[in-house]
Amino acid sequence: TMKDDWVDGRVIDIKDNPFVGVVVSAKTNNGVIFFGREELFKPA
């Protein structure tokens, strides 16, 4: 996210990418969408 702290969001998609593994997409309360490998995300 290039942010200094964790940002709350809602998971909107999960895909199994054959090259990098599981990719998670999450949307923040202000509408910004972040995506990346599952280890970059953690449950609240």
PDB file of N, CA and C in Angstrom:
ATOM      1  N   THR A   1       0.812  -1.204   0.000  1.00  0.00           N
ATOM      2  CA  THR A   1       0.000   0.000   0.000  1.00  0.00           C
ATOM      3  C   THR A   1       0.848   1.257   0.000  1.00  0.00           C
ATOM      4  N   MET A   2       2.122   1.109   0.280  1.00  0.00           N
ATOM      5  CA  MET A   2       3.036   2.247   0.398  1.00  0.00           C
ATOM      6  C   MET A   2       2.637   3.163   1.549  1.00  0.00           C
ATOM      7  N   LYS A   3       1.921   2.627   2.529  1.00  0.00           N
ATOM      8  CA  LYS A   3       1.513   3.397   3.705  1.00  0.00           C
ATOM      9  C   LYS A   3       2.335   2.937   4.897  1.00  0.00           C
ATOM     10  N   ASP A   4       2.498   3.824   5.878  1.00  0.00           N
ATOM     11  CA  ASP A   4       3.284   3.501   7.065  1.00  0.00           C
ATOM     12  C   ASP A   4       2.551   2.595   8.039  1.00  0.00           C
ATOM     13  N   ASP A   5       1.222   2.528   7.942  1.00  0.00           N
ATOM     14  CA  ASP A   5       0.420   1.768   8.890  1.00  0.00           C
ATOM     15  C   ASP A   5      -0.591   0.912   8.128  1.00  0.00           C
ATOM     16  N   TRP A   6      -1.193  -0.047   8.832  1.00  0.00           N
ATOM     17  CA  TRP A   6      -2.220  -0.899   8.234  1.00  0.00           C
ATOM     18  C   TRP A   6      -3.462  -0.075   7.932  1.00  0.00           C
ATOM     19  N   VAL A   7      -4.187  -0.448   6.873  1.00  0.00           N
ATOM     20  CA  VAL A   7      -5.413   0.227   6.466  1.00  0.00           C
ATOM     21  C   VAL A   7      -6.547  -0.797   6.501  1.00  0.00           C
ATOM     22  N   ASP A   8      -7.681  -0.432   7.119  1.00  0.00           N
ATOM     23  CA  ASP A   8      -8.841  -1.321   7.136  1.00  0.00           C
ATOM     24  C   ASP A   8      -9.483  -1.367   5.761  1.00  0.00           C
ATOM     25  N   GLY A   9      -9.974  -2.545   5.391  1.00  0.00           N
ATOM     26  CA  GLY A   9     -10.660  -2.703   4.119  1.00  0.00           C
ATOM     27  C   GLY A   9     -11.491  -3.971   4.118  1.00  0.00           C
ATOM     28  N   ARG A  10     -12.199  -4.202   3.016  1.00  0.00           N
ATOM     29  CA  ARG A  10     -13.057  -5.367   2.864  1.00  0.00           C
ATOM     30  C   ARG A  10     -12.552  -6.166   1.669  1.00  0.00           C
ATOM     31  N   VAL A  11     -12.382  -7.470   1.854  1.00  0.00           N
ATOM     32  CA  VAL A  11     -11.934  -8.330   0.757  1.00  0.00           C
ATOM     33  C   VAL A  11     -13.041  -8.397  -0.281  1.00  0.00           C
ATOM     34  N   ILE A  12     -12.686  -8.111  -1.538  1.00  0.00           N
ATOM     35  CA  ILE A  12     -13.681  -8.136  -2.605  1.00  0.00           C
ATOM     36  C   ILE A  12     -13.413  -9.242  -3.618  1.00  0.00           C
ATOM     37  N   ASP A  13     -12.201  -9.840  -3.591  1.00  0.00           N
ATOM     38  CA  ASP A  13     -11.894 -10.904  -4.542  1.00  0.00           C
ATOM     39  C   ASP A  13     -10.675 -11.683  -4.068  1.00  0.00           C
ATOM     40  N   ILE A  14     -10.679 -12.985  -4.335  1.00  0.00           N
ATOM     41  CA  ILE A  14      -9.531 -13.850  -4.059  1.00  0.00           C
ATOM     42  C   ILE A  14      -9.345 -14.733  -5.283  1.00  0.00           C
ATOM     43  N   LYS A  15      -8.132 -14.752  -5.821  1.00  0.00           N
ATOM     44  CA  LYS A  15      -7.840 -15.567  -7.006  1.00  0.00           C
ATOM     45  C   LYS A  15      -6.592 -16.404  -6.766  1.00  0.00           C
ATOM     46  N   ASP A  16      -6.579 -17.590  -7.350  1.00  0.00           N
ATOM     47  CA  ASP A  16      -5.405 -18.454  -7.288  1.00  0.00           C
ATOM     48  C   ASP A  16      -4.598 -18.239  -8.562  1.00  0.00           C
ATOM     49  N   ASN A  17      -3.536 -17.460  -8.454  1.00  0.00           N
ATOM     50  CA  ASN A  17      -2.685 -17.134  -9.594  1.00  0.00           C
ATOM     51  C   ASN A  17      -1.608 -18.205  -9.721  1.00  0.00           C
ATOM     52  N   PRO A  18      -1.475 -18.853 -10.881  1.00  0.00           N
ATOM     53  CA  PRO A  18      -0.497 -19.934 -11.024  1.00  0.00           C
ATOM     54  C   PRO A  18       0.960 -19.471 -10.908  1.00  0.00           C
ATOM     55  N   PHE A  19       1.211 -18.190 -11.024  1.00  0.00           N
ATOM     56  CA  PHE A  19       2.581 -17.683 -10.976  1.00  0.00           C
ATOM     57  C   PHE A  19       2.996 -17.204  -9.589  1.00  0.00           C
ATOM     58  N   VAL A  20       2.095 -16.548  -8.862  1.00  0.00           N
ATOM     59  CA  VAL A  20       2.453 -15.977  -7.557  1.00  0.00           C
ATOM     60  C   VAL A  20       1.667 -16.564  -6.395  1.00  0.00           C
ATOM     61  N   GLY A  21       0.708 -17.435  -6.651  1.00  0.00           N
ATOM     62  CA  GLY A  21      -0.114 -18.010  -5.592  1.00  0.00           C
ATOM     63  C   GLY A  21      -1.404 -17.233  -5.412  1.00  0.00           C
ATOM     64  N   VAL A  22      -1.922 -17.231  -4.201  1.00  0.00           N
ATOM     65  CA  VAL A  22      -3.202 -16.585  -3.915  1.00  0.00           C
ATOM     66  C   VAL A  22      -3.043 -15.063  -3.925  1.00  0.00           C
ATOM     67  N   VAL A  23      -3.910 -14.394  -4.690  1.00  0.00           N
ATOM     68  CA  VAL A  23      -3.911 -12.933  -4.773  1.00  0.00           C
ATOM     69  C   VAL A  23      -5.226 -12.425  -4.183  1.00  0.00           C
ATOM     70  N   VAL A  24      -5.119 -11.488  -3.253  1.00  0.00           N
ATOM     71  CA  VAL A  24      -6.278 -10.913  -2.570  1.00  0.00           C
ATOM     72  C   VAL A  24      -6.477  -9.480  -3.052  1.00  0.00           C
ATOM     73  N   SER A  25      -7.733  -9.114  -3.311  1.00  0.00           N
ATOM     74  CA  SER A  25      -8.089  -7.724  -3.615  1.00  0.00           C
ATOM     75  C   SER A  25      -8.980  -7.220  -2.494  1.00  0.00           C
ATOM     76  N   ALA A  26      -8.674  -6.039  -1.973  1.00  0.00           N
ATOM     77  CA  ALA A  26      -9.451  -5.453  -0.879  1.00  0.00           C
ATOM     78  C   ALA A  26      -9.749  -3.995  -1.192  1.00  0.00           C
ATOM     79  N   LYS A  27     -10.914  -3.544  -0.734  1.00  0.00           N
ATOM     80  CA  LYS A  27     -11.362  -2.170  -0.969  1.00  0.00           C
ATOM     81  C   LYS A  27     -11.483  -1.455   0.371  1.00  0.00           C
ATOM     82  N   THR A  28     -10.908  -0.258   0.461  1.00  0.00           N
ATOM     83  CA  THR A  28     -10.973   0.531   1.691  1.00  0.00           C
ATOM     84  C   THR A  28     -12.310   1.272   1.769  1.00  0.00           C
ATOM     85  N   ASN A  29     -12.564   1.867   2.915  1.00  0.00           N
ATOM     86  CA  ASN A  29     -13.812   2.616   3.113  1.00  0.00           C
ATOM     87  C   ASN A  29     -13.943   3.803   2.166  1.00  0.00           C
ATOM     88  N   ASN A  30     -12.816   4.351   1.718  1.00  0.00           N
ATOM     89  CA  ASN A  30     -12.883   5.501   0.801  1.00  0.00           C
ATOM     90  C   ASN A  30     -12.798   5.087  -0.670  1.00  0.00           C
ATOM     91  N   GLY A  31     -12.898   3.772  -0.948  1.00  0.00           N
ATOM     92  CA  GLY A  31     -13.000   3.291  -2.321  1.00  0.00           C
ATOM     93  C   GLY A  31     -11.708   2.894  -2.995  1.00  0.00           C
ATOM     94  N   VAL A  32     -10.579   3.003  -2.313  1.00  0.00           N
ATOM     95  CA  VAL A  32      -9.293   2.623  -2.900  1.00  0.00           C
ATOM     96  C   VAL A  32      -9.170   1.099  -2.872  1.00  0.00           C
ATOM     97  N   ILE A  33      -8.725   0.502  -3.984  1.00  0.00           N
ATOM     98  CA  ILE A  33      -8.560  -0.944  -4.068  1.00  0.00           C
ATOM     99  C   ILE A  33      -7.077  -1.284  -4.054  1.00  0.00           C
ATOM    100  N   PHE A  34      -6.720  -2.210  -3.159  1.00  0.00           N
ATOM    101  CA  PHE A  34      -5.360  -2.725  -3.069  1.00  0.00           C
ATOM    102  C   PHE A  34      -5.389  -4.210  -3.394  1.00  0.00           C
ATOM    103  N   PHE A  35      -4.318  -4.725  -4.018  1.00  0.00           N
ATOM    104  CA  PHE A  35      -4.249  -6.158  -4.267  1.00  0.00           C
ATOM    105  C   PHE A  35      -2.813  -6.624  -4.145  1.00  0.00           C
ATOM    106  N   GLY A  36      -2.657  -7.897  -3.821  1.00  0.00           N
ATOM    107  CA  GLY A  36      -1.325  -8.471  -3.686  1.00  0.00           C
ATOM    108  C   GLY A  36      -1.405  -9.882  -3.141  1.00  0.00           C
ATOM    109  N   ARG A  37      -0.247 -10.492  -2.939  1.00  0.00           N
ATOM    110  CA  ARG A  37      -0.182 -11.848  -2.400  1.00  0.00           C
ATOM    111  C   ARG A  37      -0.807 -11.891  -1.017  1.00  0.00           C
ATOM    112  N   GLU A  38      -1.358 -13.043  -0.651  1.00  0.00           N
ATOM    113  CA  GLU A  38      -2.119 -13.138   0.600  1.00  0.00           C
ATOM    114  C   GLU A  38      -1.309 -12.799   1.837  1.00  0.00           C
ATOM    115  N   GLU A  39       0.009 -12.992   1.823  1.00  0.00           N
ATOM    116  CA  GLU A  39       0.801 -12.680   3.014  1.00  0.00           C
ATOM    117  C   GLU A  39       0.911 -11.173   3.268  1.00  0.00           C
ATOM    118  N   LEU A  40       0.491 -10.354   2.315  1.00  0.00           N
ATOM    119  CA  LEU A  40       0.494  -8.901   2.502  1.00  0.00           C
ATOM    120  C   LEU A  40      -0.756  -8.407   3.229  1.00  0.00           C
ATOM    121  N   PHE A  41      -1.707  -9.324   3.468  1.00  0.00           N
ATOM    122  CA  PHE A  41      -2.960  -8.977   4.128  1.00  0.00           C
ATOM    123  C   PHE A  41      -3.058  -9.740   5.437  1.00  0.00           C
ATOM    124  N   LYS A  42      -3.749  -9.162   6.418  1.00  0.00           N
ATOM    125  CA  LYS A  42      -3.997  -9.858   7.680  1.00  0.00           C
ATOM    126  C   LYS A  42      -5.403  -9.526   8.150  1.00  0.00           C
ATOM    127  N   PRO A  43      -6.065 -10.486   8.825  1.00  0.00           N
ATOM    128  CA  PRO A  43      -7.420 -10.207   9.312  1.00  0.00           C
ATOM    129  C   PRO A  43      -7.419  -9.191  10.445  1.00  0.00           C
ATOM    130  N   ALA A  44      -8.497  -8.462  10.557  1.00  0.00           N
ATOM    131  CA  ALA A  44      -8.625  -7.448  11.615  1.00  0.00           C
ATOM    132  C   ALA A  44      -8.902  -8.091  12.953  1.00  0.00           C
TER     133      ALA A  44
END
